[in-house]
Protein backbone atom coordinates (compact mmCIF):
# COMPACT_ATOMS: atom_id res chain seq x y z
CA MET A 1 -10.98 100.99 -107.52
CA ARG A 2 -9.18 100.39 -104.23
CA LEU A 3 -8.29 104.08 -103.90
CA ALA A 4 -11.94 104.95 -104.41
CA LEU A 5 -12.91 102.50 -101.68
CA GLN A 6 -10.38 104.03 -99.29
CA SER A 7 -11.87 107.47 -99.87
CA LEU A 8 -15.32 106.05 -99.45
CA THR A 9 -14.22 104.42 -96.17
CA THR A 10 -13.23 107.80 -94.76
CA LEU A 11 -16.55 109.33 -95.76
CA LEU A 12 -18.53 106.46 -94.34
CA THR A 13 -16.60 106.63 -91.07
CA VAL A 14 -17.72 110.22 -90.58
CA THR A 15 -21.28 109.21 -91.45
CA LEU A 16 -21.26 106.41 -88.89
CA ILE A 17 -19.97 108.70 -86.16
CA ALA A 18 -22.73 111.21 -86.87
CA PHE A 19 -25.33 108.44 -86.93
CA SER A 20 -24.13 107.04 -83.62
CA ALA A 21 -24.25 110.44 -81.96
CA ALA A 22 -27.85 110.94 -83.03
CA ALA A 23 -29.00 107.39 -82.13
CA PRO A 24 -30.20 106.54 -78.62
CA ALA A 25 -27.81 104.59 -76.36
CA LEU A 26 -28.66 100.87 -76.46
CA ALA A 27 -25.81 99.10 -74.62
CA GLU A 28 -23.61 97.11 -77.05
CA LYS A 29 -25.07 97.13 -80.53
CA LEU A 30 -23.79 96.52 -84.03
CA VAL A 31 -24.31 99.08 -86.81
CA SER A 32 -23.25 97.88 -90.28
CA ALA A 33 -23.81 98.72 -93.94
CA VAL A 34 -22.62 97.95 -97.47
CA SER A 35 -20.98 100.50 -99.77
CA SER A 36 -23.44 99.71 -102.56
CA SER A 37 -26.73 97.87 -102.60
CA ARG A 38 -26.46 96.95 -106.28
CA VAL A 39 -23.80 95.48 -108.57
CA ALA A 40 -24.37 95.88 -112.31
CA ILE A 41 -23.01 93.25 -114.70
CA THR A 42 -22.24 94.54 -118.18
CA SER A 43 -20.44 93.06 -121.18
CA ASN A 44 -17.04 94.23 -119.86
CA PHE A 45 -17.62 93.14 -116.26
CA THR A 46 -14.42 91.61 -114.85
CA GLY A 47 -15.39 91.44 -111.21
CA THR A 48 -15.55 94.02 -108.46
CA GLU A 49 -15.41 94.37 -104.70
CA ILE A 50 -17.80 95.66 -102.07
CA LEU A 51 -17.00 97.45 -98.84
CA VAL A 52 -18.72 96.25 -95.67
CA TYR A 53 -18.28 98.66 -92.79
CA GLY A 54 -19.77 99.39 -89.41
CA GLU A 55 -19.41 100.39 -85.79
CA ILE A 56 -19.71 98.70 -82.44
CA ALA A 57 -21.94 101.13 -80.55
CA ARG A 58 -21.78 101.06 -76.76
CA ASP A 59 -23.89 102.67 -74.07
CA ALA A 60 -21.72 104.89 -71.90
CA GLU A 61 -23.16 103.17 -68.80
CA THR A 62 -22.37 99.64 -70.04
CA VAL A 63 -19.57 97.89 -68.17
CA SER A 64 -16.66 97.07 -70.49
CA ARG A 65 -16.21 93.39 -71.29
CA THR A 66 -12.95 91.70 -70.41
CA GLY A 67 -12.81 89.56 -73.60
CA ASN A 68 -12.03 90.71 -77.11
CA GLN A 69 -14.85 91.66 -79.44
CA ASP A 70 -14.78 89.89 -82.78
CA VAL A 71 -16.57 90.75 -86.01
CA VAL A 72 -17.50 88.25 -88.72
CA VAL A 73 -18.90 89.21 -92.14
CA VAL A 74 -20.67 86.54 -94.22
CA VAL A 75 -21.77 87.11 -97.83
CA GLU A 76 -24.11 84.48 -99.28
CA GLY A 77 -25.34 84.33 -102.86
CA PRO A 78 -28.68 82.94 -104.06
CA LEU A 79 -29.27 79.29 -103.20
CA GLU A 80 -28.98 76.77 -105.99
CA ARG A 81 -28.91 73.06 -106.77
CA VAL A 82 -25.50 71.63 -107.67
CA THR A 83 -24.37 68.21 -108.88
CA THR A 84 -20.79 67.13 -108.21
CA TRP A 85 -19.33 64.32 -110.34
CA ARG A 86 -16.44 61.96 -109.71
CA LYS A 87 -14.45 60.45 -112.56
CA ASP A 88 -13.64 56.74 -112.50
CA ARG A 89 -11.51 54.69 -114.87
CA ILE A 90 -13.79 52.41 -116.87
CA LEU A 91 -12.45 50.31 -119.78
CA GLY A 92 -9.34 52.47 -119.86
CA LEU A 93 -11.29 55.76 -120.04
CA TRP A 94 -11.83 58.37 -117.33
CA ILE A 95 -15.53 59.23 -117.34
CA ASN A 96 -18.07 60.74 -114.95
CA ALA A 97 -19.31 57.68 -113.07
CA THR A 98 -20.79 58.72 -109.71
CA SER A 99 -22.30 61.95 -108.47
CA GLN A 100 -23.94 63.69 -105.55
CA THR A 101 -26.52 66.46 -105.80
CA TYR A 102 -26.67 69.19 -103.19
CA ILE A 103 -29.75 71.34 -102.76
CA ALA A 104 -30.08 74.85 -101.35
CA VAL A 105 -26.36 75.62 -101.35
CA PRO A 106 -25.06 79.20 -101.70
CA SER A 107 -23.95 80.05 -105.22
CA PHE A 108 -21.42 82.41 -103.63
CA TYR A 109 -20.03 82.33 -100.11
CA ALA A 110 -17.41 84.51 -98.44
CA VAL A 111 -16.41 84.81 -94.78
CA HIS A 112 -14.21 87.57 -93.36
CA ALA A 113 -13.33 87.56 -89.66
CA THR A 114 -11.13 89.38 -87.19
CA ASP A 115 -9.57 86.08 -86.07
CA ASP A 116 -9.64 82.36 -86.73
CA LEU A 117 -13.24 81.22 -86.42
CA ARG A 118 -12.30 78.59 -83.82
CA ASN A 119 -11.06 81.41 -81.59
CA ILE A 120 -14.22 83.46 -82.04
CA ALA A 121 -17.04 81.04 -81.20
CA SER A 122 -17.77 77.39 -80.50
CA GLU A 123 -18.54 74.91 -83.25
CA ASP A 124 -22.20 74.88 -82.20
CA TRP A 125 -22.51 78.66 -82.66
CA LEU A 126 -20.74 78.52 -86.03
CA LYS A 127 -22.92 75.67 -87.30
CA GLN A 128 -26.10 77.36 -86.11
CA TYR A 129 -25.36 80.51 -88.12
CA ARG A 130 -23.65 78.77 -91.08
CA ILE A 131 -20.34 80.54 -90.48
CA GLY A 132 -17.34 78.96 -92.19
CA LEU A 133 -16.90 76.57 -95.08
CA GLU A 134 -16.79 73.55 -92.79
CA ASN A 135 -20.10 74.57 -91.22
CA LEU A 136 -22.19 74.83 -94.37
CA PRO A 137 -24.98 72.21 -94.20
CA LEU A 138 -24.31 70.49 -97.53
CA ALA A 139 -26.86 67.69 -97.51
CA ALA A 140 -26.76 65.35 -100.50
CA LEU A 141 -30.08 64.58 -102.17
CA GLY A 142 -31.26 60.98 -101.83
CA THR A 143 -27.87 59.41 -101.21
CA ARG A 144 -27.00 56.36 -99.13
CA ALA A 145 -23.28 56.55 -99.72
CA PRO A 146 -20.88 55.75 -96.86
CA ALA A 147 -19.75 58.63 -94.64
CA THR A 148 -16.24 58.57 -96.12
CA GLU A 149 -17.59 58.95 -99.65
CA ARG A 150 -19.93 61.77 -98.65
CA LYS A 151 -17.01 63.55 -97.00
CA ALA A 152 -14.88 63.14 -100.13
CA PHE A 153 -17.63 64.61 -102.33
CA LYS A 154 -18.10 67.55 -99.96
CA GLU A 155 -14.39 68.30 -99.90
CA ALA A 156 -14.25 68.12 -103.72
CA PHE A 157 -17.24 70.45 -104.02
CA LEU A 158 -15.74 73.03 -101.65
CA ARG A 159 -12.32 72.77 -103.30
CA ASP A 160 -13.82 73.41 -106.74
CA ARG A 161 -15.76 76.44 -105.50
CA VAL A 162 -12.68 77.90 -103.84
CA GLN A 163 -10.57 77.41 -106.99
CA HIS A 164 -13.16 79.31 -109.04
CA GLY A 165 -13.28 82.18 -106.53
CA LEU A 166 -16.89 81.54 -105.57
CA TYR A 167 -16.11 80.41 -102.01
CA SER A 168 -13.57 81.95 -99.63
CA GLN A 169 -12.76 82.17 -95.95
CA MET A 170 -10.31 84.73 -94.56
CA SER A 171 -9.25 85.38 -90.98
CA LYS A 172 -7.73 88.65 -89.74
CA SER A 173 -9.26 90.32 -92.80
CA ILE A 174 -11.32 92.98 -91.02
CA ASN A 175 -9.62 96.33 -90.40
CA PHE A 176 -10.41 98.44 -87.36
CA LEU A 177 -10.22 102.16 -88.12
CA SER A 178 -10.68 102.87 -84.41
CA PRO A 179 -11.55 100.74 -81.37
CA THR A 180 -15.14 100.64 -82.61
CA LEU A 181 -15.11 101.37 -86.36
CA PHE A 182 -14.34 98.48 -88.75
CA SER A 183 -14.37 97.69 -92.47
CA THR A 184 -13.51 94.94 -94.93
CA THR A 185 -13.62 94.49 -98.70
CA VAL A 186 -15.11 91.37 -100.28
CA ASP A 187 -14.06 90.40 -103.80
CA LEU A 188 -16.79 89.45 -106.26
CA PRO A 189 -15.40 87.51 -109.27
CA ALA A 190 -16.56 87.95 -112.84
CA THR A 191 -18.41 84.62 -112.66
CA ILE A 192 -20.78 85.55 -109.84
CA PRO A 193 -24.43 84.62 -110.53
CA THR A 194 -27.17 87.21 -110.52
CA GLY A 195 -29.74 87.54 -107.76
CA ASP A 196 -30.09 88.82 -104.22
CA TYR A 197 -27.12 88.35 -101.90
CA LYS A 198 -27.34 88.34 -98.10
CA VAL A 199 -24.63 90.26 -96.24
CA THR A 200 -24.65 89.42 -92.52
CA THR A 201 -22.37 90.99 -89.93
CA PHE A 202 -21.96 89.26 -86.55
CA LEU A 203 -20.56 90.65 -83.30
CA PHE A 204 -19.10 88.10 -80.87
CA SER A 205 -17.52 88.52 -77.46
CA GLY A 206 -16.17 85.70 -75.34
CA GLY A 207 -17.64 83.16 -77.74
CA VAL A 208 -21.16 84.63 -77.34
CA LEU A 209 -23.15 86.32 -80.10
CA LEU A 210 -24.00 89.87 -79.01
CA ASP A 211 -25.68 91.22 -82.13
CA SER A 212 -26.02 90.80 -85.88
CA GLN A 213 -27.12 92.93 -88.83
CA GLU A 214 -28.22 91.93 -92.31
CA GLN A 215 -28.26 93.78 -95.63
CA VAL A 216 -29.30 92.78 -99.14
CA LEU A 217 -27.02 93.18 -102.15
CA THR A 218 -28.53 92.80 -105.62
CA VAL A 219 -26.38 91.56 -108.51
CA ALA A 220 -28.11 92.10 -111.86
CA LYS A 221 -27.30 92.23 -115.54
CA ILE A 222 -28.07 95.43 -117.41
CA GLY A 223 -28.28 96.49 -121.04
CA PHE A 224 -28.08 93.95 -123.89
CA GLU A 225 -26.99 91.16 -121.51
CA GLN A 226 -30.18 91.54 -119.51
CA VAL A 227 -32.35 91.54 -122.64
CA THR A 228 -30.82 88.33 -123.98
CA PHE A 229 -30.91 86.70 -120.55
CA ASN A 230 -34.62 87.47 -120.10
CA LEU A 231 -35.36 86.35 -123.66
CA SER A 232 -33.62 82.99 -123.12
CA ARG A 233 -35.56 82.38 -119.89
CA GLN A 234 -39.00 83.70 -120.80
CA TYR A 235 -39.14 82.89 -124.53
CA PRO A 236 -36.65 80.04 -125.16
CA ALA A 237 -38.15 79.14 -128.55
CA VAL A 238 -37.80 82.70 -129.84
CA TYR A 239 -34.29 82.93 -128.41
CA GLY A 240 -33.28 79.69 -130.13
CA ALA A 241 -34.75 80.77 -133.46
CA LEU A 242 -32.96 84.13 -133.33
CA ALA A 243 -29.69 82.38 -132.48
CA ILE A 244 -30.04 80.09 -135.52
CA ILE A 245 -30.92 83.00 -137.81
CA LEU A 246 -27.94 85.00 -136.53
CA ALA A 247 -25.61 82.03 -137.05
CA LEU A 248 -26.85 81.50 -140.62
CA PHE A 249 -26.56 85.21 -141.41
CA THR A 250 -23.04 85.35 -139.99
CA GLY A 251 -22.04 82.31 -142.05
CA TRP A 252 -23.50 83.83 -145.21
CA ILE A 253 -21.68 87.13 -144.65
CA ALA A 254 -18.41 85.27 -144.07
CA GLY A 255 -18.96 83.32 -147.28
CA VAL A 256 -19.55 86.50 -149.28
CA ILE A 257 -16.49 88.23 -147.84
CA PHE A 258 -14.10 85.35 -148.34
CA LYS A 259 -15.60 84.02 -151.59
CA LYS A 260 -12.98 83.27 -154.19
CA ASP A 261 -13.41 84.06 -157.87
């Protein structure tokens, strides 16, 4: 898979150069794309990776900037509602006792950057564009918990997402193929949810946002998985009845096979 992506990187580099030569000069501008606009989930899906690549196009008459130019790639999955529980010891048992519910949080979130985010832009810029795990606006629904408790829940939520591979943040993870051509690969685990993903590429210089580009990546189930998924969502009663019938039939077959005389 990685060898295929390396070959694809070379091909895409040539494509970007040709595109830049044909495009009109527009001072400093970001041109970015994704290797594939669709990820198909099948029964043997074990995860994959996508290639995000691009070029920093510059007008020949533009004066070169003294500061470094930094690129940040953010991949966000469909928004969802999540409840995080905390276990407390009650009557000698550890049980889920308190919880916080977050609304409109990304189901998947990955950040790749040329440097540490604190060296790229100010905290205000990062918060404004939701760049970085610490800058995600995780607002709890209807809670009046103290600030320390809210912070503890947020840290637990982020830690759980990172452990399951659904959230990640990596610095110095963008490769420059030339002074202007760049690329990075983003891992998508087997547990990624379906839906439309937003892939945003940012260009910073001297802590200032120069340009950004956005693409859409669709993750969808295909084949038998998609049929059963649609059936469970659109016709839950039929899906439940078929599941019961299949379970009874499987049990009957097992009984026939292993029946003793």
